[in-house]
Amino acid sequence: MAEAETALGYEQARDELIEVVRRLEAGGTSLEESLALWERGEELAKVCRHWLEGARARLDSALAAREAPGEE
């Protein structure tokens, strides 16, 4: 993932992705514009997935740390 992409926060990437989808669903763009929007949407989805996977890992780690003392 490009460094510029990782600089996007989850909410910013999600909001831009919503706008990309809205524009694609509305139609009226040329094939070239549609392809560019689709590619941007794929990049934004990857950014969102990255943030969500990181959040899941942090949550799993916190849950595991909380359960560990009880196993001793």
PDB file of N, CA and C in Angstrom:
ATOM      1  N   MET A   1       0.850  -1.168   0.000  1.00  0.00           N
ATOM      2  CA  MET A   1       0.000   0.000   0.000  1.00  0.00           C
ATOM      3  C   MET A   1       0.899   1.236   0.000  1.00  0.00           C
ATOM      4  N   ALA A   2       0.550   2.193  -0.829  1.00  0.00           N
ATOM      5  CA  ALA A   2       1.350   3.407  -0.931  1.00  0.00           C
ATOM      6  C   ALA A   2       1.296   4.189   0.381  1.00  0.00           C
ATOM      7  N   GLU A   3       2.397   4.880   0.672  1.00  0.00           N
ATOM      8  CA  GLU A   3       2.470   5.633   1.928  1.00  0.00           C
ATOM      9  C   GLU A   3       1.381   6.692   2.002  1.00  0.00           C
ATOM     10  N   ALA A   4       1.051   7.315   0.869  1.00  0.00           N
ATOM     11  CA  ALA A   4      -0.009   8.322   0.865  1.00  0.00           C
ATOM     12  C   ALA A   4      -1.347   7.700   1.246  1.00  0.00           C
ATOM     13  N   GLU A   5      -1.566   6.470   0.841  1.00  0.00           N
ATOM     14  CA  GLU A   5      -2.815   5.791   1.164  1.00  0.00           C
ATOM     15  C   GLU A   5      -2.901   5.483   2.651  1.00  0.00           C
ATOM     16  N   THR A   6      -1.796   5.091   3.259  1.00  0.00           N
ATOM     17  CA  THR A   6      -1.835   4.765   4.683  1.00  0.00           C
ATOM     18  C   THR A   6      -2.016   6.013   5.528  1.00  0.00           C
ATOM     19  N   ALA A   7      -1.765   7.192   4.930  1.00  0.00           N
ATOM     20  CA  ALA A   7      -1.951   8.437   5.665  1.00  0.00           C
ATOM     21  C   ALA A   7      -3.439   8.760   5.825  1.00  0.00           C
ATOM     22  N   LEU A   8      -4.279   8.135   5.006  1.00  0.00           N
ATOM     23  CA  LEU A   8      -5.721   8.346   5.134  1.00  0.00           C
ATOM     24  C   LEU A   8      -6.241   7.647   6.374  1.00  0.00           C
ATOM     25  N   GLY A   9      -7.061   8.326   7.119  1.00  0.00           N
ATOM     26  CA  GLY A   9      -7.714   7.680   8.248  1.00  0.00           C
ATOM     27  C   GLY A   9      -8.851   6.817   7.737  1.00  0.00           C
ATOM     28  N   TYR A  10      -9.346   5.945   8.596  1.00  0.00           N
ATOM     29  CA  TYR A  10     -10.425   5.045   8.198  1.00  0.00           C
ATOM     30  C   TYR A  10     -11.654   5.829   7.735  1.00  0.00           C
ATOM     31  N   GLU A  11     -12.082   6.781   8.533  1.00  0.00           N
ATOM     32  CA  GLU A  11     -13.295   7.523   8.206  1.00  0.00           C
ATOM     33  C   GLU A  11     -13.152   8.293   6.899  1.00  0.00           C
ATOM     34  N   GLN A  12     -11.979   8.881   6.679  1.00  0.00           N
ATOM     35  CA  GLN A  12     -11.747   9.628   5.445  1.00  0.00           C
ATOM     36  C   GLN A  12     -11.797   8.692   4.242  1.00  0.00           C
ATOM     37  N   ALA A  13     -11.142   7.532   4.346  1.00  0.00           N
ATOM     38  CA  ALA A  13     -11.151   6.565   3.250  1.00  0.00           C
ATOM     39  C   ALA A  13     -12.560   6.039   3.008  1.00  0.00           C
ATOM     40  N   ARG A  14     -13.285   5.749   4.092  1.00  0.00           N
ATOM     41  CA  ARG A  14     -14.658   5.241   3.969  1.00  0.00           C
ATOM     42  C   ARG A  14     -15.554   6.265   3.287  1.00  0.00           C
ATOM     43  N   ASP A  15     -15.453   7.524   3.709  1.00  0.00           N
ATOM     44  CA  ASP A  15     -16.298   8.565   3.124  1.00  0.00           C
ATOM     45  C   ASP A  15     -15.992   8.760   1.644  1.00  0.00           C
ATOM     46  N   GLU A  16     -14.714   8.736   1.286  1.00  0.00           N
ATOM     47  CA  GLU A  16     -14.352   8.879  -0.127  1.00  0.00           C
ATOM     48  C   GLU A  16     -14.836   7.669  -0.919  1.00  0.00           C
ATOM     49  N   LEU A  17     -14.744   6.484  -0.328  1.00  0.00           N
ATOM     50  CA  LEU A  17     -15.228   5.273  -0.992  1.00  0.00           C
ATOM     51  C   LEU A  17     -16.735   5.361  -1.234  1.00  0.00           C
ATOM     52  N   ILE A  18     -17.471   5.862  -0.272  1.00  0.00           N
ATOM     53  CA  ILE A  18     -18.920   6.031  -0.436  1.00  0.00           C
ATOM     54  C   ILE A  18     -19.206   6.959  -1.615  1.00  0.00           C
ATOM     55  N   GLU A  19     -18.438   8.038  -1.717  1.00  0.00           N
ATOM     56  CA  GLU A  19     -18.614   8.982  -2.823  1.00  0.00           C
ATOM     57  C   GLU A  19     -18.279   8.331  -4.157  1.00  0.00           C
ATOM     58  N   VAL A  20     -17.236   7.529  -4.209  1.00  0.00           N
ATOM     59  CA  VAL A  20     -16.865   6.827  -5.443  1.00  0.00           C
ATOM     60  C   VAL A  20     -17.995   5.894  -5.869  1.00  0.00           C
ATOM     61  N   VAL A  21     -18.521   5.133  -4.929  1.00  0.00           N
ATOM     62  CA  VAL A  21     -19.618   4.213  -5.241  1.00  0.00           C
ATOM     63  C   VAL A  21     -20.843   4.989  -5.728  1.00  0.00           C
ATOM     64  N   ARG A  22     -21.148   6.097  -5.063  1.00  0.00           N
ATOM     65  CA  ARG A  22     -22.294   6.915  -5.466  1.00  0.00           C
ATOM     66  C   ARG A  22     -22.140   7.388  -6.911  1.00  0.00           C
ATOM     67  N   ARG A  23     -20.936   7.845  -7.247  1.00  0.00           N
ATOM     68  CA  ARG A  23     -20.692   8.330  -8.613  1.00  0.00           C
ATOM     69  C   ARG A  23     -20.781   7.207  -9.633  1.00  0.00           C
ATOM     70  N   LEU A  24     -20.276   6.039  -9.279  1.00  0.00           N
ATOM     71  CA  LEU A  24     -20.363   4.903 -10.202  1.00  0.00           C
ATOM     72  C   LEU A  24     -21.815   4.463 -10.402  1.00  0.00           C
ATOM     73  N   GLU A  25     -22.568   4.428  -9.323  1.00  0.00           N
ATOM     74  CA  GLU A  25     -23.969   4.019  -9.415  1.00  0.00           C
ATOM     75  C   GLU A  25     -24.812   5.027 -10.177  1.00  0.00           C
ATOM     76  N   ALA A  26     -24.454   6.298 -10.103  1.00  0.00           N
ATOM     77  CA  ALA A  26     -25.205   7.344 -10.797  1.00  0.00           C
ATOM     78  C   ALA A  26     -25.027   7.249 -12.305  1.00  0.00           C
ATOM     79  N   GLY A  27     -23.892   6.691 -12.725  1.00  0.00           N
ATOM     80  CA  GLY A  27     -23.634   6.583 -14.157  1.00  0.00           C
ATOM     81  C   GLY A  27     -23.288   7.933 -14.759  1.00  0.00           C
ATOM     82  N   GLY A  28     -23.329   7.984 -16.078  1.00  0.00           N
ATOM     83  CA  GLY A  28     -23.061   9.231 -16.772  1.00  0.00           C
ATOM     84  C   GLY A  28     -21.589   9.561 -16.920  1.00  0.00           C
ATOM     85  N   THR A  29     -20.707   8.639 -16.534  1.00  0.00           N
ATOM     86  CA  THR A  29     -19.269   8.881 -16.714  1.00  0.00           C
ATOM     87  C   THR A  29     -18.782   8.049 -17.889  1.00  0.00           C
ATOM     88  N   SER A  30     -17.703   8.500 -18.472  1.00  0.00           N
ATOM     89  CA  SER A  30     -17.118   7.754 -19.584  1.00  0.00           C
ATOM     90  C   SER A  30     -16.512   6.456 -19.065  1.00  0.00           C
ATOM     91  N   LEU A  31     -16.211   5.570 -19.969  1.00  0.00           N
ATOM     92  CA  LEU A  31     -15.586   4.304 -19.580  1.00  0.00           C
ATOM     93  C   LEU A  31     -14.269   4.567 -18.858  1.00  0.00           C
ATOM     94  N   GLU A  32     -13.483   5.501 -19.377  1.00  0.00           N
ATOM     95  CA  GLU A  32     -12.194   5.816 -18.756  1.00  0.00           C
ATOM     96  C   GLU A  32     -12.380   6.362 -17.342  1.00  0.00           C
ATOM     97  N   GLU A  33     -13.337   7.263 -17.170  1.00  0.00           N
ATOM     98  CA  GLU A  33     -13.616   7.811 -15.842  1.00  0.00           C
ATOM     99  C   GLU A  33     -14.122   6.717 -14.896  1.00  0.00           C
ATOM    100  N   SER A  34     -14.989   5.865 -15.398  1.00  0.00           N
ATOM    101  CA  SER A  34     -15.521   4.766 -14.583  1.00  0.00           C
ATOM    102  C   SER A  34     -14.411   3.836 -14.126  1.00  0.00           C
ATOM    103  N   LEU A  35     -13.482   3.519 -15.008  1.00  0.00           N
ATOM    104  CA  LEU A  35     -12.355   2.654 -14.642  1.00  0.00           C
ATOM    105  C   LEU A  35     -11.471   3.326 -13.596  1.00  0.00           C
ATOM    106  N   ALA A  36     -11.234   4.618 -13.759  1.00  0.00           N
ATOM    107  CA  ALA A  36     -10.420   5.349 -12.781  1.00  0.00           C
ATOM    108  C   ALA A  36     -11.117   5.370 -11.423  1.00  0.00           C
ATOM    109  N   LEU A  37     -12.433   5.579 -11.421  1.00  0.00           N
ATOM    110  CA  LEU A  37     -13.182   5.562 -10.171  1.00  0.00           C
ATOM    111  C   LEU A  37     -13.129   4.176  -9.529  1.00  0.00           C
ATOM    112  N   TRP A  38     -13.304   3.147 -10.336  1.00  0.00           N
ATOM    113  CA  TRP A  38     -13.264   1.777  -9.815  1.00  0.00           C
ATOM    114  C   TRP A  38     -11.894   1.483  -9.197  1.00  0.00           C
ATOM    115  N   GLU A  39     -10.818   1.877  -9.884  1.00  0.00           N
ATOM    116  CA  GLU A  39      -9.469   1.654  -9.346  1.00  0.00           C
ATOM    117  C   GLU A  39      -9.279   2.407  -8.030  1.00  0.00           C
ATOM    118  N   ARG A  40      -9.773   3.637  -7.966  1.00  0.00           N
ATOM    119  CA  ARG A  40      -9.668   4.407  -6.726  1.00  0.00           C
ATOM    120  C   ARG A  40     -10.474   3.730  -5.616  1.00  0.00           C
ATOM    121  N   GLY A  41     -11.634   3.223  -5.965  1.00  0.00           N
ATOM    122  CA  GLY A  41     -12.452   2.506  -4.993  1.00  0.00           C
ATOM    123  C   GLY A  41     -11.734   1.288  -4.446  1.00  0.00           C
ATOM    124  N   GLU A  42     -11.043   0.556  -5.296  1.00  0.00           N
ATOM    125  CA  GLU A  42     -10.273  -0.607  -4.852  1.00  0.00           C
ATOM    126  C   GLU A  42      -9.176  -0.192  -3.874  1.00  0.00           C
ATOM    127  N   GLU A  43      -8.489   0.910  -4.179  1.00  0.00           N
ATOM    128  CA  GLU A  43      -7.443   1.412  -3.281  1.00  0.00           C
ATOM    129  C   GLU A  43      -8.027   1.813  -1.931  1.00  0.00           C
ATOM    130  N   LEU A  44      -9.157   2.500  -1.967  1.00  0.00           N
ATOM    131  CA  LEU A  44      -9.794   2.947  -0.727  1.00  0.00           C
ATOM    132  C   LEU A  44     -10.297   1.765   0.098  1.00  0.00           C
ATOM    133  N   ALA A  45     -10.830   0.758  -0.583  1.00  0.00           N
ATOM    134  CA  ALA A  45     -11.290  -0.444   0.126  1.00  0.00           C
ATOM    135  C   ALA A  45     -10.112  -1.127   0.805  1.00  0.00           C
ATOM    136  N   LYS A  46      -8.964  -1.129   0.156  1.00  0.00           N
ATOM    137  CA  LYS A  46      -7.760  -1.721   0.750  1.00  0.00           C
ATOM    138  C   LYS A  46      -7.339  -0.954   2.002  1.00  0.00           C
ATOM    139  N   VAL A  47      -7.424   0.374   1.945  1.00  0.00           N
ATOM    140  CA  VAL A  47      -7.095   1.202   3.116  1.00  0.00           C
ATOM    141  C   VAL A  47      -8.044   0.882   4.262  1.00  0.00           C
ATOM    142  N   CYS A  48      -9.339   0.817   3.963  1.00  0.00           N
ATOM    143  CA  CYS A  48     -10.327   0.499   5.003  1.00  0.00           C
ATOM    144  C   CYS A  48     -10.065  -0.881   5.595  1.00  0.00           C
ATOM    145  N   ARG A  49      -9.788  -1.851   4.741  1.00  0.00           N
ATOM    146  CA  ARG A  49      -9.500  -3.211   5.199  1.00  0.00           C
ATOM    147  C   ARG A  49      -8.273  -3.228   6.110  1.00  0.00           C
ATOM    148  N   HIS A  50      -7.255  -2.459   5.751  1.00  0.00           N
ATOM    149  CA  HIS A  50      -6.034  -2.362   6.553  1.00  0.00           C
ATOM    150  C   HIS A  50      -6.361  -1.838   7.955  1.00  0.00           C
ATOM    151  N   TRP A  51      -7.142  -0.753   8.025  1.00  0.00           N
ATOM    152  CA  TRP A  51      -7.520  -0.185   9.317  1.00  0.00           C
ATOM    153  C   TRP A  51      -8.348  -1.166  10.137  1.00  0.00           C
ATOM    154  N   LEU A  52      -9.297  -1.837   9.491  1.00  0.00           N
ATOM    155  CA  LEU A  52     -10.154  -2.774  10.211  1.00  0.00           C
ATOM    156  C   LEU A  52      -9.379  -3.989  10.708  1.00  0.00           C
ATOM    157  N   GLU A  53      -8.449  -4.476   9.903  1.00  0.00           N
ATOM    158  CA  GLU A  53      -7.617  -5.600  10.340  1.00  0.00           C
ATOM    159  C   GLU A  53      -6.741  -5.201  11.523  1.00  0.00           C
ATOM    160  N   GLY A  54      -6.218  -3.979  11.495  1.00  0.00           N
ATOM    161  CA  GLY A  54      -5.421  -3.479  12.617  1.00  0.00           C
ATOM    162  C   GLY A  54      -6.252  -3.350  13.879  1.00  0.00           C
ATOM    163  N   ALA A  55      -7.482  -2.865  13.723  1.00  0.00           N
ATOM    164  CA  ALA A  55      -8.373  -2.747  14.879  1.00  0.00           C
ATOM    165  C   ALA A  55      -8.705  -4.123  15.437  1.00  0.00           C
ATOM    166  N   ARG A  56      -8.937  -5.088  14.560  1.00  0.00           N
ATOM    167  CA  ARG A  56      -9.244  -6.459  14.997  1.00  0.00           C
ATOM    168  C   ARG A  56      -8.061  -7.051  15.753  1.00  0.00           C
ATOM    169  N   ALA A  57      -6.856  -6.824  15.251  1.00  0.00           N
ATOM    170  CA  ALA A  57      -5.665  -7.352  15.922  1.00  0.00           C
ATOM    171  C   ALA A  57      -5.505  -6.731  17.311  1.00  0.00           C
ATOM    172  N   ARG A  58      -5.738  -5.431  17.421  1.00  0.00           N
ATOM    173  CA  ARG A  58      -5.644  -4.761  18.732  1.00  0.00           C
ATOM    174  C   ARG A  58      -6.696  -5.295  19.693  1.00  0.00           C
ATOM    175  N   LEU A  59      -7.892  -5.497  19.200  1.00  0.00           N
ATOM    176  CA  LEU A  59      -8.961  -6.034  20.034  1.00  0.00           C
ATOM    177  C   LEU A  59      -8.631  -7.453  20.488  1.00  0.00           C
ATOM    178  N   ASP A  60      -8.177  -8.283  19.563  1.00  0.00           N
ATOM    179  CA  ASP A  60      -7.798  -9.652  19.912  1.00  0.00           C
ATOM    180  C   ASP A  60      -6.683  -9.673  20.948  1.00  0.00           C
ATOM    181  N   SER A  61      -5.707  -8.785  20.787  1.00  0.00           N
ATOM    182  CA  SER A  61      -4.592  -8.701  21.725  1.00  0.00           C
ATOM    183  C   SER A  61      -5.078  -8.278  23.112  1.00  0.00           C
ATOM    184  N   ALA A  62      -5.964  -7.293  23.137  1.00  0.00           N
ATOM    185  CA  ALA A  62      -6.480  -6.831  24.448  1.00  0.00           C
ATOM    186  C   ALA A  62      -7.298  -7.916  25.119  1.00  0.00           C
ATOM    187  N   LEU A  63      -8.097  -8.642  24.349  1.00  0.00           N
ATOM    188  CA  LEU A  63      -8.886  -9.732  24.915  1.00  0.00           C
ATOM    189  C   LEU A  63      -7.995 -10.856  25.415  1.00  0.00           C
ATOM    190  N   ALA A  64      -6.946 -11.175  24.681  1.00  0.00           N
ATOM    191  CA  ALA A  64      -6.029 -12.228  25.090  1.00  0.00           C
ATOM    192  C   ALA A  64      -5.287 -11.826  26.356  1.00  0.00           C
ATOM    193  N   ALA A  65      -4.892 -10.564  26.466  1.00  0.00           N
ATOM    194  CA  ALA A  65      -4.186 -10.083  27.654  1.00  0.00           C
ATOM    195  C   ALA A  65      -5.103 -10.111  28.872  1.00  0.00           C
ATOM    196  N   ARG A  66      -6.357  -9.831  28.664  1.00  0.00           N
ATOM    197  CA  ARG A  66      -7.314  -9.842  29.756  1.00  0.00           C
ATOM    198  C   ARG A  66      -7.576 -11.274  30.251  1.00  0.00           C
ATOM    199  N   GLU A  67      -7.567 -12.237  29.336  1.00  0.00           N
ATOM    200  CA  GLU A  67      -7.819 -13.626  29.695  1.00  0.00           C
ATOM    201  C   GLU A  67      -6.593 -14.322  30.261  1.00  0.00           C
ATOM    202  N   ALA A  68      -5.412 -13.865  29.910  1.00  0.00           N
ATOM    203  CA  ALA A  68      -4.162 -14.530  30.329  1.00  0.00           C
ATOM    204  C   ALA A  68      -4.003 -14.648  31.846  1.00  0.00           C
ATOM    205  N   PRO A  69      -4.261 -13.630  32.656  1.00  0.00           N
ATOM    206  CA  PRO A  69      -4.062 -13.775  34.103  1.00  0.00           C
ATOM    207  C   PRO A  69      -4.932 -14.877  34.712  1.00  0.00           C
ATOM    208  N   GLY A  70      -6.088 -15.139  34.170  1.00  0.00           N
ATOM    209  CA  GLY A  70      -6.967 -16.168  34.697  1.00  0.00           C
ATOM    210  C   GLY A  70      -6.485 -17.584  34.415  1.00  0.00           C
ATOM    211  N   GLU A  71      -5.561 -17.734  33.477  1.00  0.00           N
ATOM    212  CA  GLU A  71      -5.056 -19.056  33.109  1.00  0.00           C
ATOM    213  C   GLU A  71      -3.918 -19.512  33.997  1.00  0.00           C
ATOM    214  N   GLU A  72      -3.377 -18.636  34.785  1.00  0.00           N
ATOM    215  CA  GLU A  72      -2.216 -18.998  35.606  1.00  0.00           C
ATOM    216  C   GLU A  72      -2.588 -19.899  36.741  1.00  0.00           C
TER     217      GLU A  72
END
